[in-house]
Amino acid sequence: MMSNSLTSRSHTMSSDPFFDIQCRQCPRLAEFLDHTQIQYPDYHCRPVAPFGADQPALLIVGLAPGLHGANATGRPFTGDHAGILLYQTLYQFGFASAPESISVDDGLKLIDCRITNAVKCVPPQNKPTGPEINTCRQYLTTELKSLEPRSLIIALGGIAHKSVIAALHLKQKDYPFAHAAEHPMPHGGILLDSYHCSRYNTQTRRLTPEMFQQVFARARQWIDEQHG
């Protein structure tokens, strides 16, 4: 298995090749952030950096920061409902040092794992447009290229899945999204799909804890086989 160093990156430097906290390339998102900052002056209200290990065995790709979650706290999946199941599951399978993510200074570390988003800024109604997804993909592309061989990617939801496939310059028709689907990747790793752990999906039981755990159990098994 890869190093168990509890390494965390703040990713606050604009020189980071796969994150720019000063990015304002999407006018609608930049305007929404400015408006939200006025309403909630204590919120992060900037692009949200990836969080976790420098060289992860597991990269989790979500959709975008939540308005009162990552957009408020500055850490992916922190402060909203979607993060509850995610961090509990990461802890259960040895990818996190604690089962709950509360704030950027709570001491939580990810183990051989990093969380990122297809879109780094919170979108209105949690719905980024196609051009916004495409513009932000430059950061995801660079991040995916930085992965070690035989690393594993989990895409949370169809948009994250499609963005990963596009970032790797693969054909969408060859990689259909389905919960728990497993796709071989050119770098020797695999892409695992999961329904997004959103409040809607979990409350309607489209995604149950058991279904989510199934995906991460497979991730843990695969990583241990490759790096054990």
Protein backbone atom coordinates (compact mmCIF):
# COMPACT_ATOMS: atom_id res chain seq x y z
CA MET A 1 0.00 0.00 0.00
CA MET A 2 1.12 3.57 -0.58
CA SER A 3 2.45 5.68 2.26
CA ASN A 4 0.05 6.22 5.15
CA SER A 5 1.35 9.71 5.76
CA LEU A 6 -1.49 11.90 7.02
CA THR A 7 -0.62 14.59 4.53
CA SER A 8 -2.99 17.49 3.92
CA ARG A 9 -2.62 20.29 1.40
CA SER A 10 -4.17 23.69 1.82
CA HIS A 11 -3.83 24.49 -1.91
CA THR A 12 -4.06 28.21 -1.27
CA MET A 13 -1.31 29.22 -3.66
CA SER A 14 -2.44 30.50 -7.05
CA SER A 15 0.67 28.87 -8.55
CA ASP A 16 -0.75 25.40 -7.81
CA PRO A 17 -1.03 23.72 -11.23
CA PHE A 18 -4.44 22.23 -10.50
CA PHE A 19 -6.00 24.94 -8.37
CA ASP A 20 -6.20 28.73 -8.45
CA ILE A 21 -7.95 30.42 -5.55
CA GLN A 22 -7.99 33.65 -7.56
CA CYS A 23 -9.74 32.10 -10.57
CA ARG A 24 -12.63 34.17 -11.98
CA GLN A 25 -12.85 32.72 -15.46
CA CYS A 26 -16.59 32.01 -15.22
CA PRO A 27 -18.44 35.36 -14.99
CA ARG A 28 -21.69 33.91 -13.63
CA LEU A 29 -19.91 31.98 -10.89
CA ALA A 30 -17.67 34.93 -9.98
CA GLU A 31 -20.72 37.19 -9.70
CA PHE A 32 -22.54 34.63 -7.58
CA LEU A 33 -19.55 34.35 -5.23
CA ASP A 34 -19.44 38.14 -4.86
CA HIS A 35 -23.17 38.27 -4.12
CA THR A 36 -22.93 35.41 -1.64
CA GLN A 37 -19.99 37.06 0.15
CA ILE A 38 -22.16 40.11 0.81
CA GLN A 39 -24.92 37.91 2.23
CA TYR A 40 -22.56 35.72 4.24
CA PRO A 41 -19.39 37.71 5.01
CA ASP A 42 -17.92 34.89 7.12
CA TYR A 43 -18.12 32.35 4.30
CA HIS A 44 -15.12 31.20 2.24
CA CYS A 45 -16.80 32.36 -1.02
CA ARG A 46 -13.87 31.53 -3.31
CA PRO A 47 -12.86 28.51 -5.34
CA VAL A 48 -12.56 25.51 -3.02
CA ALA A 49 -9.23 23.70 -3.04
CA PRO A 50 -8.78 19.94 -3.26
CA PHE A 51 -8.22 18.40 0.16
CA GLY A 52 -6.06 15.45 1.11
CA ALA A 53 -2.85 13.60 0.30
CA ASP A 54 -0.21 14.88 -2.12
CA GLN A 55 0.01 11.53 -3.92
CA PRO A 56 -3.27 9.76 -3.23
CA ALA A 57 -4.07 6.16 -4.00
CA LEU A 58 -7.70 7.31 -4.16
CA LEU A 59 -9.01 10.48 -5.79
CA ILE A 60 -12.67 11.30 -5.17
CA VAL A 61 -14.27 13.67 -7.69
CA GLY A 62 -17.47 15.45 -6.67
CA LEU A 63 -19.61 17.94 -8.54
CA ALA A 64 -19.15 21.38 -6.95
CA PRO A 65 -19.05 23.07 -3.52
CA GLY A 66 -22.35 23.36 -1.68
CA LEU A 67 -23.58 26.87 -0.89
CA HIS A 68 -23.67 26.34 2.87
CA GLY A 69 -21.11 23.54 2.88
CA ALA A 70 -17.72 23.77 1.19
CA ASN A 71 -18.44 27.30 -0.02
CA ALA A 72 -18.82 28.27 3.63
CA THR A 73 -16.03 26.23 5.18
CA GLY A 74 -13.46 26.09 2.36
CA ARG A 75 -13.12 22.28 2.50
CA PRO A 76 -14.85 19.86 0.11
CA PHE A 77 -17.96 18.16 1.51
CA THR A 78 -17.65 19.93 4.84
CA GLY A 79 -20.56 21.65 6.55
CA ASP A 80 -23.42 20.16 4.55
CA HIS A 81 -25.48 16.97 4.43
CA ALA A 82 -23.55 15.45 1.52
CA GLY A 83 -20.39 15.21 3.59
CA ILE A 84 -21.92 13.22 6.45
CA LEU A 85 -22.04 9.88 4.67
CA LEU A 86 -18.85 10.53 2.72
CA TYR A 87 -16.59 11.15 5.72
CA GLN A 88 -18.19 8.36 7.76
CA THR A 89 -17.47 5.97 4.90
CA LEU A 90 -13.93 7.24 4.37
CA TYR A 91 -13.22 6.64 8.06
CA GLN A 92 -14.83 3.20 7.97
CA PHE A 93 -12.50 2.07 5.19
CA GLY A 94 -9.32 3.67 6.51
CA PHE A 95 -9.16 6.72 4.28
CA ALA A 96 -9.75 9.35 7.02
CA SER A 97 -8.51 9.93 10.54
CA ALA A 98 -11.99 10.81 11.86
CA PRO A 99 -15.59 10.08 10.83
CA GLU A 100 -16.71 13.70 10.68
CA SER A 101 -15.47 16.82 8.90
CA ILE A 102 -16.46 19.99 10.72
CA SER A 103 -14.07 22.74 9.66
CA VAL A 104 -10.69 23.30 8.03
CA ASP A 105 -9.02 23.46 11.45
CA ASP A 106 -10.61 20.37 13.03
CA GLY A 107 -7.48 18.26 12.63
CA LEU A 108 -9.02 15.79 10.21
CA LYS A 109 -6.55 14.16 7.81
CA LEU A 110 -7.17 12.03 4.77
CA ILE A 111 -5.06 8.89 4.33
CA ASP A 112 -3.90 8.03 0.80
CA CYS A 113 -6.95 9.95 -0.38
CA ARG A 114 -7.81 13.33 -1.87
CA ILE A 115 -11.17 14.95 -2.55
CA THR A 116 -11.66 17.37 -5.42
CA ASN A 117 -14.56 18.73 -7.47
CA ALA A 118 -15.29 18.94 -11.19
CA VAL A 119 -16.24 22.59 -10.61
CA LYS A 120 -14.34 24.47 -7.93
CA CYS A 121 -16.85 27.32 -7.32
CA VAL A 122 -20.37 27.04 -5.95
CA PRO A 123 -22.95 27.42 -8.75
CA PRO A 124 -26.44 28.90 -8.35
CA GLN A 125 -28.97 26.16 -7.49
CA ASN A 126 -26.01 23.75 -7.42
CA LYS A 127 -26.20 23.52 -11.21
CA PRO A 128 -23.08 24.50 -13.17
CA THR A 129 -23.54 25.11 -16.86
CA GLY A 130 -21.79 23.10 -19.56
CA PRO A 131 -19.35 25.92 -20.38
CA GLU A 132 -18.52 26.33 -16.67
CA ILE A 133 -17.79 22.62 -16.33
CA ASN A 134 -15.63 22.77 -19.45
CA THR A 135 -13.71 25.84 -18.26
CA CYS A 136 -12.95 24.32 -14.86
CA ARG A 137 -11.87 21.04 -16.42
CA GLN A 138 -8.37 22.41 -17.02
CA TYR A 139 -7.69 22.01 -13.29
CA LEU A 140 -9.16 18.51 -13.13
CA THR A 141 -7.15 17.47 -16.18
CA THR A 142 -3.90 18.58 -14.57
CA GLU A 143 -4.85 16.91 -11.30
CA LEU A 144 -5.62 13.61 -13.01
CA LYS A 145 -2.31 13.75 -14.88
CA SER A 146 -0.52 14.13 -11.54
CA LEU A 147 -1.82 10.82 -10.21
CA GLU A 148 0.54 7.94 -9.68
CA PRO A 149 0.10 4.86 -11.91
CA ARG A 150 -2.51 2.38 -10.65
CA SER A 151 -4.37 4.98 -8.64
CA LEU A 152 -8.13 4.77 -8.28
CA ILE A 153 -10.75 7.42 -9.02
CA ILE A 154 -14.26 7.52 -7.60
CA ALA A 155 -16.72 9.76 -9.46
CA LEU A 156 -19.66 10.92 -7.38
CA GLY A 157 -22.48 11.35 -9.87
CA GLY A 158 -22.85 11.55 -13.61
CA ILE A 159 -21.40 15.02 -14.11
CA ALA A 160 -18.22 14.15 -12.22
CA HIS A 161 -17.98 10.92 -14.20
CA LYS A 162 -18.36 12.66 -17.55
CA SER A 163 -15.86 15.34 -16.57
CA VAL A 164 -13.26 12.71 -15.66
CA ILE A 165 -13.79 10.93 -18.97
CA ALA A 166 -13.52 14.21 -20.88
CA ALA A 167 -10.42 15.27 -18.94
CA LEU A 168 -8.72 12.02 -19.93
CA HIS A 169 -9.74 12.53 -23.58
CA LEU A 170 -11.73 9.31 -23.65
CA LYS A 171 -14.99 8.61 -25.47
CA GLN A 172 -18.09 8.97 -23.32
CA LYS A 173 -19.90 6.12 -25.08
CA ASP A 174 -17.18 3.70 -24.05
CA TYR A 175 -17.58 4.55 -20.35
CA PRO A 176 -21.29 4.67 -19.40
CA PHE A 177 -22.09 5.87 -15.90
CA ALA A 178 -23.79 3.44 -13.52
CA HIS A 179 -23.63 3.04 -9.76
CA ALA A 180 -20.76 0.71 -8.77
CA ALA A 181 -19.61 0.46 -12.39
CA GLU A 182 -15.88 -0.16 -12.77
CA HIS A 183 -13.89 1.20 -15.71
CA PRO A 184 -10.21 0.56 -16.53
CA MET A 185 -8.22 3.75 -17.04
CA PRO A 186 -5.22 4.41 -19.35
CA HIS A 187 -2.88 5.06 -16.38
CA GLY A 188 -3.40 1.52 -15.14
CA GLY A 189 -5.91 2.46 -12.49
CA ILE A 190 -9.68 2.24 -12.46
CA LEU A 191 -12.64 4.59 -12.29
CA LEU A 192 -15.46 3.60 -9.94
CA ASP A 193 -18.86 5.25 -10.23
CA SER A 194 -21.23 6.08 -7.41
CA TYR A 195 -24.45 8.00 -7.14
CA HIS A 196 -23.72 11.32 -5.47
CA CYS A 197 -24.13 11.33 -1.68
CA SER A 198 -26.49 14.32 -1.83
CA ARG A 199 -29.33 14.89 0.60
CA TYR A 200 -31.84 14.14 -2.17
CA ASN A 201 -30.24 10.83 -3.12
CA THR A 202 -29.84 9.60 0.44
CA GLN A 203 -33.27 10.70 1.66
CA THR A 204 -35.05 9.16 -1.33
CA ARG A 205 -32.96 5.99 -0.83
CA ARG A 206 -31.66 6.17 -4.37
CA LEU A 207 -28.35 5.84 -2.56
CA THR A 208 -28.28 3.87 0.69
CA PRO A 209 -25.32 3.69 3.06
CA GLU A 210 -24.88 0.06 2.05
CA MET A 211 -24.70 0.98 -1.64
CA PHE A 212 -22.12 3.67 -0.90
CA GLN A 213 -20.09 1.36 1.28
CA GLN A 214 -20.06 -1.20 -1.53
CA VAL A 215 -18.16 1.24 -3.73
CA PHE A 216 -15.59 2.08 -1.07
CA ALA A 217 -15.16 -1.53 -0.05
CA ARG A 218 -14.20 -2.26 -3.64
CA ALA A 219 -11.86 0.74 -3.64
CA ARG A 220 -10.18 -0.48 -0.45
CA GLN A 221 -9.82 -4.00 -1.86
CA TRP A 222 -8.36 -2.81 -5.15
CA ILE A 223 -5.90 -0.39 -3.56
CA ASP A 224 -4.70 -2.98 -1.07
CA GLU A 225 -4.18 -5.49 -3.88
CA GLN A 226 -2.22 -3.01 -5.97
CA HIS A 227 -0.15 -1.38 -3.24
CA GLY A 228 -0.17 -3.91 -0.42
